[in-house]
Amino acid sequence: MKTLTFITGNPNKAEQLERYLCFPVCHKKLDIPEIQSLDVAEIATEKAQAAYAIIGTPVLVEDTALTFVALNGLPGTLIKWFLESIGNEGLTKLLDGYEDRNALAKTCFALCDENGVHLFQGECRGRVPSEPRGNSDFGWNPVFIPEGEELTWAEMTPEQSAVTSMRKKAVTALQAYLEENYES
């Protein structure tokens, strides 16, 4: 069996991956360069190649974006920096004065091994509430209400949020790839 290492400094992402993926994965924090781009696939590809060059065994990385329609796609892949700078409350205030509070959450997992980079993507449409709601333990979940729902991801149980999770959608594709290409 091949070993797969998930490169992340975010223990919540590692925990969520373990819930969604039926494949043994260890996780490791690794300081790797991150290019600036508004394309999650481009960023994830570069990070996966950099991590693989350091570790030398199959690696998995993720990049995420939260785009606001009213802001022409921002904050997008810069969401981590927006969140660190202005927090969830600031994110909701960015849309004050705009009628359109629609958003798109996207994620891309990139698996890099001796055969190159393989991408697995997921997305979820939704909207941003006028103020953050729910537990703020996991990034920007308090400011995203999935399409067709009334609760933010932060207000949902893990089982409820998995139904609409863009991460779950991407992991489902990853799982199928691993079952077909990796011994378990």
Protein backbone atom coordinates (compact mmCIF):
# COMPACT_ATOMS: atom_id res chain seq x y z
CA MET A 1 0.00 0.00 0.00
CA LYS A 2 1.22 3.47 -0.82
CA THR A 3 1.35 6.04 1.93
CA LEU A 4 -0.50 9.29 1.27
CA THR A 5 0.46 12.41 3.21
CA PHE A 6 -1.99 15.31 3.44
CA ILE A 7 -0.02 18.55 3.64
CA THR A 8 -1.85 21.05 5.83
CA GLY A 9 -1.28 23.23 8.83
CA ASN A 10 -5.01 23.24 9.53
CA PRO A 11 -6.00 20.40 11.91
CA ASN A 12 -9.70 21.00 11.11
CA LYS A 13 -9.07 20.23 7.42
CA ALA A 14 -7.16 17.08 8.37
CA GLU A 15 -10.01 15.97 10.66
CA GLN A 16 -12.63 16.63 7.98
CA LEU A 17 -10.62 14.71 5.39
CA GLU A 18 -10.43 11.72 7.75
CA ARG A 19 -14.24 11.83 8.12
CA TYR A 20 -14.83 11.90 4.37
CA LEU A 21 -12.06 9.68 2.98
CA CYS A 22 -11.94 5.92 3.45
CA PHE A 23 -8.21 5.65 2.84
CA PRO A 24 -5.30 5.85 5.29
CA VAL A 25 -3.78 9.31 5.25
CA CYS A 26 -1.34 10.93 7.62
CA HIS A 27 -1.06 14.68 7.75
CA LYS A 28 1.95 16.89 8.01
CA LYS A 29 2.51 20.60 8.26
CA LEU A 30 5.04 21.70 5.67
CA ASP A 31 6.05 25.20 4.71
CA ILE A 32 5.77 25.28 0.92
CA PRO A 33 5.57 28.27 -1.39
CA GLU A 34 2.14 29.29 -2.63
CA ILE A 35 1.82 31.08 -5.93
CA GLN A 36 -0.67 33.92 -6.22
CA SER A 37 -3.51 33.09 -8.58
CA LEU A 38 -7.30 33.20 -8.57
CA ASP A 39 -7.37 29.62 -9.92
CA VAL A 40 -7.60 26.98 -7.15
CA ALA A 41 -6.40 24.23 -9.51
CA GLU A 42 -3.28 26.17 -10.48
CA ILE A 43 -2.40 26.86 -6.84
CA ALA A 44 -3.10 23.28 -5.72
CA THR A 45 -1.00 21.88 -8.58
CA GLU A 46 2.00 24.05 -7.72
CA LYS A 47 1.73 23.24 -3.99
CA ALA A 48 1.46 19.50 -4.67
CA GLN A 49 4.52 19.49 -6.92
CA ALA A 50 6.52 21.46 -4.34
CA ALA A 51 5.48 19.15 -1.50
CA TYR A 52 6.23 16.03 -3.53
CA ALA A 53 9.70 17.37 -4.37
CA ILE A 54 10.40 17.73 -0.63
CA ILE A 55 8.79 14.54 0.70
CA GLY A 56 9.33 12.18 -2.23
CA THR A 57 6.21 10.11 -1.52
CA PRO A 58 2.60 10.68 -2.64
CA VAL A 59 1.19 13.91 -1.23
CA LEU A 60 -2.21 15.51 -1.14
CA VAL A 61 -2.78 19.26 -0.86
CA GLU A 62 -5.88 21.41 -0.99
CA ASP A 63 -6.67 24.94 -1.98
CA THR A 64 -9.97 26.68 -1.39
CA ALA A 65 -11.73 29.78 -2.65
CA LEU A 66 -14.78 31.74 -1.58
CA THR A 67 -15.93 34.11 -4.27
CA PHE A 68 -18.52 36.86 -3.87
CA VAL A 69 -20.52 37.60 -7.03
CA ALA A 70 -20.89 41.30 -6.12
CA LEU A 71 -17.10 41.63 -5.81
CA ASN A 72 -16.39 40.00 -9.18
CA GLY A 73 -14.87 36.89 -7.61
CA LEU A 74 -13.02 38.32 -4.65
CA PRO A 75 -11.86 37.26 -2.13
CA GLY A 76 -11.51 34.02 -4.10
CA THR A 77 -8.30 32.11 -3.37
CA LEU A 78 -7.21 34.99 -1.15
CA ILE A 79 -9.90 34.05 1.39
CA LYS A 80 -7.36 32.86 3.96
CA TRP A 81 -5.69 36.29 3.97
CA PHE A 82 -9.00 38.18 4.00
CA LEU A 83 -10.13 36.03 6.94
CA GLU A 84 -6.91 36.64 8.87
CA SER A 85 -7.08 40.39 8.18
CA ILE A 86 -10.76 41.23 8.68
CA GLY A 87 -12.33 38.11 10.18
CA ASN A 88 -15.75 36.68 9.46
CA GLU A 89 -17.50 39.87 10.51
CA GLY A 90 -15.41 41.86 8.04
CA LEU A 91 -16.20 39.37 5.29
CA THR A 92 -19.93 39.90 5.76
CA LYS A 93 -19.45 43.69 5.87
CA LEU A 94 -17.69 43.60 2.50
CA LEU A 95 -21.11 42.99 0.98
CA ASP A 96 -22.96 45.69 2.93
CA GLY A 97 -24.59 47.98 0.41
CA TYR A 98 -24.78 45.25 -2.24
CA GLU A 99 -28.07 43.61 -3.10
CA ASP A 100 -26.33 40.47 -4.39
CA ARG A 101 -24.92 38.39 -1.53
CA ASN A 102 -24.42 35.25 -3.64
CA ALA A 103 -21.19 33.33 -3.28
CA LEU A 104 -19.42 30.27 -4.62
CA ALA A 105 -17.29 27.99 -2.45
CA LYS A 106 -14.69 25.96 -4.35
CA THR A 107 -12.01 23.51 -3.39
CA CYS A 108 -9.37 21.56 -5.27
CA PHE A 109 -7.40 18.60 -3.95
CA ALA A 110 -4.20 17.84 -5.82
CA LEU A 111 -2.55 14.45 -5.41
CA CYS A 112 1.03 14.31 -6.63
CA ASP A 113 2.85 11.02 -7.02
CA GLU A 114 5.35 9.45 -9.41
CA ASN A 115 2.72 9.73 -12.19
CA GLY A 116 2.25 13.48 -11.84
CA VAL A 117 -0.59 15.63 -10.46
CA HIS A 118 -4.21 14.51 -10.32
CA LEU A 119 -6.94 17.08 -9.50
CA PHE A 120 -10.24 16.57 -7.68
CA GLN A 121 -12.58 19.56 -7.44
CA GLY A 122 -15.86 20.43 -5.79
CA GLU A 123 -18.00 23.53 -5.49
CA CYS A 124 -21.13 24.76 -3.76
CA ARG A 125 -23.26 27.80 -4.54
CA GLY A 126 -24.70 29.78 -1.69
CA ARG A 127 -24.99 33.19 -0.11
CA VAL A 128 -23.42 35.30 2.62
CA PRO A 129 -25.55 36.27 5.62
CA SER A 130 -25.58 39.85 6.90
CA GLU A 131 -23.54 38.73 9.92
CA PRO A 132 -21.56 35.61 10.87
CA ARG A 133 -23.63 32.82 12.40
CA GLY A 134 -22.56 29.71 14.29
CA ASN A 135 -19.32 28.36 15.68
CA SER A 136 -16.24 30.06 14.23
CA ASP A 137 -13.84 27.16 14.80
CA PHE A 138 -13.53 26.34 11.10
CA GLY A 139 -12.54 29.24 8.89
CA TRP A 140 -15.27 31.08 7.05
CA ASN A 141 -18.05 28.53 7.66
CA PRO A 142 -20.02 31.15 9.68
CA VAL A 143 -20.42 33.29 6.55
CA PHE A 144 -21.61 30.71 4.00
CA ILE A 145 -25.18 29.45 3.60
CA PRO A 146 -25.36 26.68 0.97
CA GLU A 147 -27.98 27.04 -1.75
CA GLY A 148 -31.33 25.66 -0.60
CA GLU A 149 -30.41 25.91 3.09
CA GLU A 150 -31.16 28.42 5.85
CA LEU A 151 -28.22 27.58 8.14
CA THR A 152 -24.57 28.46 7.65
CA TRP A 153 -22.13 25.56 7.54
CA ALA A 154 -21.04 26.63 11.02
CA GLU A 155 -24.58 26.18 12.35
CA MET A 156 -24.91 22.68 10.88
CA THR A 157 -23.82 19.37 12.35
CA PRO A 158 -20.94 17.69 10.48
CA GLU A 159 -23.46 15.29 8.95
CA GLN A 160 -25.68 18.15 7.73
CA SER A 161 -22.80 20.13 6.24
CA ALA A 162 -21.42 17.03 4.46
CA VAL A 163 -24.53 16.99 2.25
CA THR A 164 -23.55 20.29 0.59
CA SER A 165 -19.80 20.36 1.28
CA MET A 166 -17.64 21.19 -1.71
CA ARG A 167 -14.86 19.31 0.10
CA LYS A 168 -17.02 16.17 0.32
CA LYS A 169 -17.71 16.38 -3.44
CA ALA A 170 -13.99 16.61 -4.22
CA VAL A 171 -13.12 13.84 -1.77
CA THR A 172 -15.70 11.53 -3.38
CA ALA A 173 -13.84 11.86 -6.70
CA LEU A 174 -10.51 11.39 -4.90
CA GLN A 175 -11.83 8.25 -3.17
CA ALA A 176 -12.79 6.71 -6.51
CA TYR A 177 -9.33 7.46 -7.91
CA LEU A 178 -7.58 5.94 -4.89
CA GLU A 179 -9.72 2.79 -5.04
CA GLU A 180 -8.83 2.34 -8.70
CA ASN A 181 -5.14 3.26 -8.55
CA TYR A 182 -3.84 2.57 -5.05
CA GLU A 183 -3.76 -0.75 -3.21
CA SER A 184 -5.70 -0.66 0.06
